[in-house]
Amino acid sequence: MYMLIAIAVTVLVIALAWRGIGAGAANDETARQPQARSTRASRPRTRAVAPDDDPEFLREIDRKLRGEDKSS
């Protein structure tokens, strides 16, 4: 019985400490300021296309499934 109470109190203390630490970080002045950007020139960002998002890949798979592909 004492062990159950000890575990419950420990969990309560940890939860309160976690909230206290999290609340302190949110009120910190440095947490509100955005990070400084790097000074080097930014290159254009290209988005990688996964194979299942590539329309040509999907058409090729569809042709293979339908048996219309002559290459295999």
PDB file of N, CA and C in Angstrom:
ATOM      1  N   MET A   1       0.823  -1.200   0.000  1.00  0.00           N
ATOM      2  CA  MET A   1       0.000   0.000   0.000  1.00  0.00           C
ATOM      3  C   MET A   1       0.864   1.259   0.000  1.00  0.00           C
ATOM      4  N   TYR A   2       1.910   1.243   0.847  1.00  0.00           N
ATOM      5  CA  TYR A   2       2.796   2.413   0.893  1.00  0.00           C
ATOM      6  C   TYR A   2       3.527   2.605  -0.431  1.00  0.00           C
ATOM      7  N   MET A   3       3.829   1.493  -1.081  1.00  0.00           N
ATOM      8  CA  MET A   3       4.523   1.581  -2.373  1.00  0.00           C
ATOM      9  C   MET A   3       3.625   2.255  -3.416  1.00  0.00           C
ATOM     10  N   LEU A   4       2.355   1.957  -3.418  1.00  0.00           N
ATOM     11  CA  LEU A   4       1.412   2.564  -4.356  1.00  0.00           C
ATOM     12  C   LEU A   4       1.299   4.067  -4.112  1.00  0.00           C
ATOM     13  N   ILE A   5       1.244   4.460  -2.870  1.00  0.00           N
ATOM     14  CA  ILE A   5       1.174   5.887  -2.526  1.00  0.00           C
ATOM     15  C   ILE A   5       2.469   6.585  -2.929  1.00  0.00           C
ATOM     16  N   ALA A   6       3.604   5.932  -2.706  1.00  0.00           N
ATOM     17  CA  ALA A   6       4.898   6.510  -3.072  1.00  0.00           C
ATOM     18  C   ALA A   6       5.000   6.709  -4.585  1.00  0.00           C
ATOM     19  N   ILE A   7       4.518   5.751  -5.359  1.00  0.00           N
ATOM     20  CA  ILE A   7       4.537   5.866  -6.826  1.00  0.00           C
ATOM     21  C   ILE A   7       3.624   7.003  -7.273  1.00  0.00           C
ATOM     22  N   ALA A   8       2.446   7.111  -6.682  1.00  0.00           N
ATOM     23  CA  ALA A   8       1.507   8.173  -7.046  1.00  0.00           C
ATOM     24  C   ALA A   8       2.087   9.545  -6.730  1.00  0.00           C
ATOM     25  N   VAL A   9       2.722   9.687  -5.568  1.00  0.00           N
ATOM     26  CA  VAL A   9       3.324  10.968  -5.195  1.00  0.00           C
ATOM     27  C   VAL A   9       4.483  11.295  -6.122  1.00  0.00           C
ATOM     28  N   THR A  10       5.286  10.298  -6.484  1.00  0.00           N
ATOM     29  CA  THR A  10       6.415  10.520  -7.393  1.00  0.00           C
ATOM     30  C   THR A  10       5.919  10.994  -8.753  1.00  0.00           C
ATOM     31  N   VAL A  11       4.890  10.366  -9.264  1.00  0.00           N
ATOM     32  CA  VAL A  11       4.331  10.770 -10.560  1.00  0.00           C
ATOM     33  C   VAL A  11       3.795  12.201 -10.481  1.00  0.00           C
ATOM     34  N   LEU A  12       3.139  12.529  -9.392  1.00  0.00           N
ATOM     35  CA  LEU A  12       2.605  13.877  -9.214  1.00  0.00           C
ATOM     36  C   LEU A  12       3.726  14.912  -9.171  1.00  0.00           C
ATOM     37  N   VAL A  13       4.783  14.624  -8.454  1.00  0.00           N
ATOM     38  CA  VAL A  13       5.911  15.553  -8.352  1.00  0.00           C
ATOM     39  C   VAL A  13       6.571  15.735  -9.717  1.00  0.00           C
ATOM     40  N   ILE A  14       6.756  14.647 -10.450  1.00  0.00           N
ATOM     41  CA  ILE A  14       7.368  14.740 -11.782  1.00  0.00           C
ATOM     42  C   ILE A  14       6.491  15.551 -12.720  1.00  0.00           C
ATOM     43  N   ALA A  15       5.180  15.330 -12.692  1.00  0.00           N
ATOM     44  CA  ALA A  15       4.267  16.072 -13.566  1.00  0.00           C
ATOM     45  C   ALA A  15       4.295  17.568 -13.237  1.00  0.00           C
ATOM     46  N   LEU A  16       4.284  17.909 -11.969  1.00  0.00           N
ATOM     47  CA  LEU A  16       4.328  19.326 -11.587  1.00  0.00           C
ATOM     48  C   LEU A  16       5.663  19.958 -11.965  1.00  0.00           C
ATOM     49  N   ALA A  17       6.754  19.229 -11.795  1.00  0.00           N
ATOM     50  CA  ALA A  17       8.068  19.756 -12.182  1.00  0.00           C
ATOM     51  C   ALA A  17       8.139  19.959 -13.689  1.00  0.00           C
ATOM     52  N   TRP A  18       7.582  19.027 -14.437  1.00  0.00           N
ATOM     53  CA  TRP A  18       7.586  19.130 -15.899  1.00  0.00           C
ATOM     54  C   TRP A  18       6.822  20.390 -16.345  1.00  0.00           C
ATOM     55  N   ARG A  19       5.671  20.608 -15.772  1.00  0.00           N
ATOM     56  CA  ARG A  19       4.883  21.798 -16.120  1.00  0.00           C
ATOM     57  C   ARG A  19       5.607  23.064 -15.717  1.00  0.00           C
ATOM     58  N   GLY A  20       6.267  23.036 -14.566  1.00  0.00           N
ATOM     59  CA  GLY A  20       6.997  24.202 -14.093  1.00  0.00           C
ATOM     60  C   GLY A  20       8.159  24.549 -14.995  1.00  0.00           C
ATOM     61  N   ILE A  21       8.878  23.554 -15.436  1.00  0.00           N
ATOM     62  CA  ILE A  21      10.007  23.789 -16.338  1.00  0.00           C
ATOM     63  C   ILE A  21       9.500  24.283 -17.686  1.00  0.00           C
ATOM     64  N   GLY A  22       8.436  23.698 -18.188  1.00  0.00           N
ATOM     65  CA  GLY A  22       7.871  24.111 -19.474  1.00  0.00           C
ATOM     66  C   GLY A  22       7.324  25.521 -19.424  1.00  0.00           C
ATOM     67  N   ALA A  23       6.683  25.898 -18.332  1.00  0.00           N
ATOM     68  CA  ALA A  23       6.136  27.248 -18.195  1.00  0.00           C
ATOM     69  C   ALA A  23       7.258  28.273 -18.085  1.00  0.00           C
ATOM     70  N   GLY A  24       8.348  27.918 -17.431  1.00  0.00           N
ATOM     71  CA  GLY A  24       9.474  28.837 -17.303  1.00  0.00           C
ATOM     72  C   GLY A  24      10.138  29.111 -18.637  1.00  0.00           C
ATOM     73  N   ALA A  25      10.217  28.108 -19.483  1.00  0.00           N
ATOM     74  CA  ALA A  25      10.839  28.279 -20.796  1.00  0.00           C
ATOM     75  C   ALA A  25       9.962  29.133 -21.704  1.00  0.00           C
ATOM     76  N   ALA A  26       8.642  29.025 -21.578  1.00  0.00           N
ATOM     77  CA  ALA A  26       7.738  29.804 -22.426  1.00  0.00           C
ATOM     78  C   ALA A  26       7.782  31.285 -22.052  1.00  0.00           C
ATOM     79  N   ASN A  27       8.035  31.597 -20.789  1.00  0.00           N
ATOM     80  CA  ASN A  27       8.095  32.986 -20.360  1.00  0.00           C
ATOM     81  C   ASN A  27       9.456  33.612 -20.576  1.00  0.00           C
ATOM     82  N   ASP A  28      10.442  32.823 -20.923  1.00  0.00           N
ATOM     83  CA  ASP A  28      11.790  33.320 -21.133  1.00  0.00           C
ATOM     84  C   ASP A  28      11.807  34.225 -22.365  1.00  0.00           C
ATOM     85  N   GLU A  29      12.486  35.348 -22.269  1.00  0.00           N
ATOM     86  CA  GLU A  29      12.530  36.318 -23.366  1.00  0.00           C
ATOM     87  C   GLU A  29      13.188  35.741 -24.612  1.00  0.00           C
ATOM     88  N   THR A  30      14.211  34.913 -24.428  1.00  0.00           N
ATOM     89  CA  THR A  30      14.902  34.343 -25.586  1.00  0.00           C
ATOM     90  C   THR A  30      14.049  33.324 -26.315  1.00  0.00           C
ATOM     91  N   ALA A  31      13.094  32.724 -25.642  1.00  0.00           N
ATOM     92  CA  ALA A  31      12.239  31.735 -26.296  1.00  0.00           C
ATOM     93  C   ALA A  31      11.288  32.393 -27.287  1.00  0.00           C
ATOM     94  N   ARG A  32      10.969  33.665 -27.100  1.00  0.00           N
ATOM     95  CA  ARG A  32      10.034  34.360 -27.993  1.00  0.00           C
ATOM     96  C   ARG A  32      10.711  34.906 -29.236  1.00  0.00           C
ATOM     97  N   GLN A  33      12.016  35.119 -29.192  1.00  0.00           N
ATOM     98  CA  GLN A  33      12.711  35.695 -30.335  1.00  0.00           C
ATOM     99  C   GLN A  33      13.059  34.606 -31.335  1.00  0.00           C
ATOM    100  N   PRO A  34      12.825  34.864 -32.626  1.00  0.00           N
ATOM    101  CA  PRO A  34      13.166  33.856 -33.629  1.00  0.00           C
ATOM    102  C   PRO A  34      14.684  33.740 -33.781  1.00  0.00           C
ATOM    103  N   GLN A  35      15.111  32.606 -34.267  1.00  0.00           N
ATOM    104  CA  GLN A  35      16.529  32.387 -34.502  1.00  0.00           C
ATOM    105  C   GLN A  35      17.017  33.268 -35.644  1.00  0.00           C
ATOM    106  N   ALA A  36      18.247  33.739 -35.528  1.00  0.00           N
ATOM    107  CA  ALA A  36      18.838  34.563 -36.588  1.00  0.00           C
ATOM    108  C   ALA A  36      19.109  33.692 -37.803  1.00  0.00           C
ATOM    109  N   ARG A  37      18.856  34.231 -38.966  1.00  0.00           N
ATOM    110  CA  ARG A  37      19.118  33.485 -40.197  1.00  0.00           C
ATOM    111  C   ARG A  37      20.595  33.512 -40.530  1.00  0.00           C
ATOM    112  N   SER A  38      21.031  32.521 -41.221  1.00  0.00           N
ATOM    113  CA  SER A  38      22.436  32.462 -41.586  1.00  0.00           C
ATOM    114  C   SER A  38      22.722  33.517 -42.645  1.00  0.00           C
ATOM    115  N   THR A  39      23.960  33.965 -42.701  1.00  0.00           N
ATOM    116  CA  THR A  39      24.315  35.054 -43.602  1.00  0.00           C
ATOM    117  C   THR A  39      24.651  34.577 -45.005  1.00  0.00           C
ATOM    118  N   ARG A  40      24.817  33.283 -45.192  1.00  0.00           N
ATOM    119  CA  ARG A  40      25.146  32.840 -46.540  1.00  0.00           C
ATOM    120  C   ARG A  40      23.902  32.882 -47.432  1.00  0.00           C
ATOM    121  N   ALA A  41      24.153  32.986 -48.705  1.00  0.00           N
ATOM    122  CA  ALA A  41      23.044  33.117 -49.660  1.00  0.00           C
ATOM    123  C   ALA A  41      22.204  31.857 -49.652  1.00  0.00           C
ATOM    124  N   SER A  42      20.921  32.060 -49.651  1.00  0.00           N
ATOM    125  CA  SER A  42      20.040  30.895 -49.653  1.00  0.00           C
ATOM    126  C   SER A  42      19.834  30.431 -51.087  1.00  0.00           C
ATOM    127  N   ARG A  43      19.873  29.145 -51.259  1.00  0.00           N
ATOM    128  CA  ARG A  43      19.652  28.580 -52.580  1.00  0.00           C
ATOM    129  C   ARG A  43      18.182  28.232 -52.730  1.00  0.00           C
ATOM    130  N   PRO A  44      17.692  28.182 -53.926  1.00  0.00           N
ATOM    131  CA  PRO A  44      16.279  27.833 -54.096  1.00  0.00           C
ATOM    132  C   PRO A  44      16.033  26.411 -53.609  1.00  0.00           C
ATOM    133  N   ARG A  45      14.972  26.253 -52.874  1.00  0.00           N
ATOM    134  CA  ARG A  45      14.648  24.942 -52.325  1.00  0.00           C
ATOM    135  C   ARG A  45      13.808  24.166 -53.316  1.00  0.00           C
ATOM    136  N   THR A  46      14.275  22.981 -53.637  1.00  0.00           N
ATOM    137  CA  THR A  46      13.505  22.108 -54.519  1.00  0.00           C
ATOM    138  C   THR A  46      12.902  21.015 -53.667  1.00  0.00           C
ATOM    139  N   ARG A  47      11.714  20.679 -53.992  1.00  0.00           N
ATOM    140  CA  ARG A  47      11.008  19.655 -53.224  1.00  0.00           C
ATOM    141  C   ARG A  47      11.233  18.305 -53.882  1.00  0.00           C
ATOM    142  N   ALA A  48      11.716  17.362 -53.107  1.00  0.00           N
ATOM    143  CA  ALA A  48      11.924  16.017 -53.622  1.00  0.00           C
ATOM    144  C   ALA A  48      10.572  15.333 -53.798  1.00  0.00           C
ATOM    145  N   VAL A  49      10.440  14.632 -54.905  1.00  0.00           N
ATOM    146  CA  VAL A  49       9.192  13.943 -55.193  1.00  0.00           C
ATOM    147  C   VAL A  49       9.408  12.457 -54.926  1.00  0.00           C
ATOM    148  N   ALA A  50       8.614  11.924 -54.061  1.00  0.00           N
ATOM    149  CA  ALA A  50       8.695  10.491 -53.775  1.00  0.00           C
ATOM    150  C   ALA A  50       8.141   9.714 -54.958  1.00  0.00           C
ATOM    151  N   PRO A  51       8.588   8.475 -55.147  1.00  0.00           N
ATOM    152  CA  PRO A  51       8.109   7.705 -56.308  1.00  0.00           C
ATOM    153  C   PRO A  51       6.594   7.574 -56.360  1.00  0.00           C
ATOM    154  N   ASP A  52       5.941   7.464 -55.207  1.00  0.00           N
ATOM    155  CA  ASP A  52       4.487   7.299 -55.249  1.00  0.00           C
ATOM    156  C   ASP A  52       3.761   8.613 -55.486  1.00  0.00           C
ATOM    157  N   ASP A  53       4.492   9.734 -55.564  1.00  0.00           N
ATOM    158  CA  ASP A  53       3.889  11.020 -55.902  1.00  0.00           C
ATOM    159  C   ASP A  53       4.202  11.435 -57.340  1.00  0.00           C
ATOM    160  N   ASP A  54       5.068  10.700 -58.001  1.00  0.00           N
ATOM    161  CA  ASP A  54       5.502  11.038 -59.350  1.00  0.00           C
ATOM    162  C   ASP A  54       4.493  10.482 -60.359  1.00  0.00           C
ATOM    163  N   PRO A  55       3.838  11.359 -61.123  1.00  0.00           N
ATOM    164  CA  PRO A  55       2.808  10.881 -62.057  1.00  0.00           C
ATOM    165  C   PRO A  55       3.350   9.908 -63.112  1.00  0.00           C
ATOM    166  N   GLU A  56       4.565  10.158 -63.618  1.00  0.00           N
ATOM    167  CA  GLU A  56       5.121   9.265 -64.629  1.00  0.00           C
ATOM    168  C   GLU A  56       5.389   7.872 -64.044  1.00  0.00           C
ATOM    169  N   PHE A  57       5.878   7.816 -62.832  1.00  0.00           N
ATOM    170  CA  PHE A  57       6.108   6.539 -62.162  1.00  0.00           C
ATOM    171  C   PHE A  57       4.790   5.792 -61.985  1.00  0.00           C
ATOM    172  N   LEU A  58       3.752   6.502 -61.577  1.00  0.00           N
ATOM    173  CA  LEU A  58       2.453   5.866 -61.379  1.00  0.00           C
ATOM    174  C   LEU A  58       1.879   5.357 -62.696  1.00  0.00           C
ATOM    175  N   ARG A  59       2.066   6.111 -63.790  1.00  0.00           N
ATOM    176  CA  ARG A  59       1.590   5.648 -65.105  1.00  0.00           C
ATOM    177  C   ARG A  59       2.327   4.377 -65.522  1.00  0.00           C
ATOM    178  N   GLU A  60       3.645   4.349 -65.277  1.00  0.00           N
ATOM    179  CA  GLU A  60       4.444   3.173 -65.629  1.00  0.00           C
ATOM    180  C   GLU A  60       3.977   1.940 -64.848  1.00  0.00           C
ATOM    181  N   ILE A  61       3.719   2.102 -63.565  1.00  0.00           N
ATOM    182  CA  ILE A  61       3.221   0.992 -62.751  1.00  0.00           C
ATOM    183  C   ILE A  61       1.859   0.535 -63.256  1.00  0.00           C
ATOM    184  N   ASP A  62       1.007   1.492 -63.603  1.00  0.00           N
ATOM    185  CA  ASP A  62      -0.324   1.154 -64.109  1.00  0.00           C
ATOM    186  C   ASP A  62      -0.218   0.369 -65.412  1.00  0.00           C
ATOM    187  N   ARG A  63       0.679   0.797 -66.308  1.00  0.00           N
ATOM    188  CA  ARG A  63       0.860   0.068 -67.572  1.00  0.00           C
ATOM    189  C   ARG A  63       1.356  -1.354 -67.314  1.00  0.00           C
ATOM    190  N   LYS A  64       2.286  -1.505 -66.362  1.00  0.00           N
ATOM    191  CA  LYS A  64       2.802  -2.842 -66.067  1.00  0.00           C
ATOM    192  C   LYS A  64       1.722  -3.732 -65.480  1.00  0.00           C
ATOM    193  N   LEU A  65       0.878  -3.172 -64.624  1.00  0.00           N
ATOM    194  CA  LEU A  65      -0.183  -3.961 -64.026  1.00  0.00           C
ATOM    195  C   LEU A  65      -1.236  -4.380 -65.048  1.00  0.00           C
ATOM    196  N   ARG A  66      -1.478  -3.523 -66.028  1.00  0.00           N
ATOM    197  CA  ARG A  66      -2.469  -3.841 -67.057  1.00  0.00           C
ATOM    198  C   ARG A  66      -1.897  -4.728 -68.161  1.00  0.00           C
ATOM    199  N   GLY A  67      -0.595  -4.934 -68.162  1.00  0.00           N
ATOM    200  CA  GLY A  67       0.023  -5.777 -69.181  1.00  0.00           C
ATOM    201  C   GLY A  67       0.294  -5.047 -70.483  1.00  0.00           C
ATOM    202  N   GLU A  68       0.269  -3.729 -70.465  1.00  0.00           N
ATOM    203  CA  GLU A  68       0.491  -2.939 -71.672  1.00  0.00           C
ATOM    204  C   GLU A  68       1.959  -2.605 -71.881  1.00  0.00           C
ATOM    205  N   ASP A  69       2.808  -2.964 -70.927  1.00  0.00           N
ATOM    206  CA  ASP A  69       4.221  -2.624 -71.015  1.00  0.00           C
ATOM    207  C   ASP A  69       4.941  -3.660 -71.856  1.00  0.00           C
ATOM    208  N   LYS A  70       5.605  -3.225 -72.930  1.00  0.00           N
ATOM    209  CA  LYS A  70       6.296  -4.118 -73.853  1.00  0.00           C
ATOM    210  C   LYS A  70       7.744  -4.379 -73.427  1.00  0.00           C
ATOM    211  N   SER A  71       8.273  -3.594 -72.494  1.00  0.00           N
ATOM    212  CA  SER A  71       9.690  -3.696 -72.146  1.00  0.00           C
ATOM    213  C   SER A  71       9.995  -4.881 -71.235  1.00  0.00           C
ATOM    214  N   SER A  72       9.017  -5.448 -70.526  1.00  0.00           N
ATOM    215  CA  SER A  72       9.352  -6.543 -69.606  1.00  0.00           C
ATOM    216  C   SER A  72       8.828  -7.875 -70.058  1.00  0.00           C
TER     217      SER A  72
END
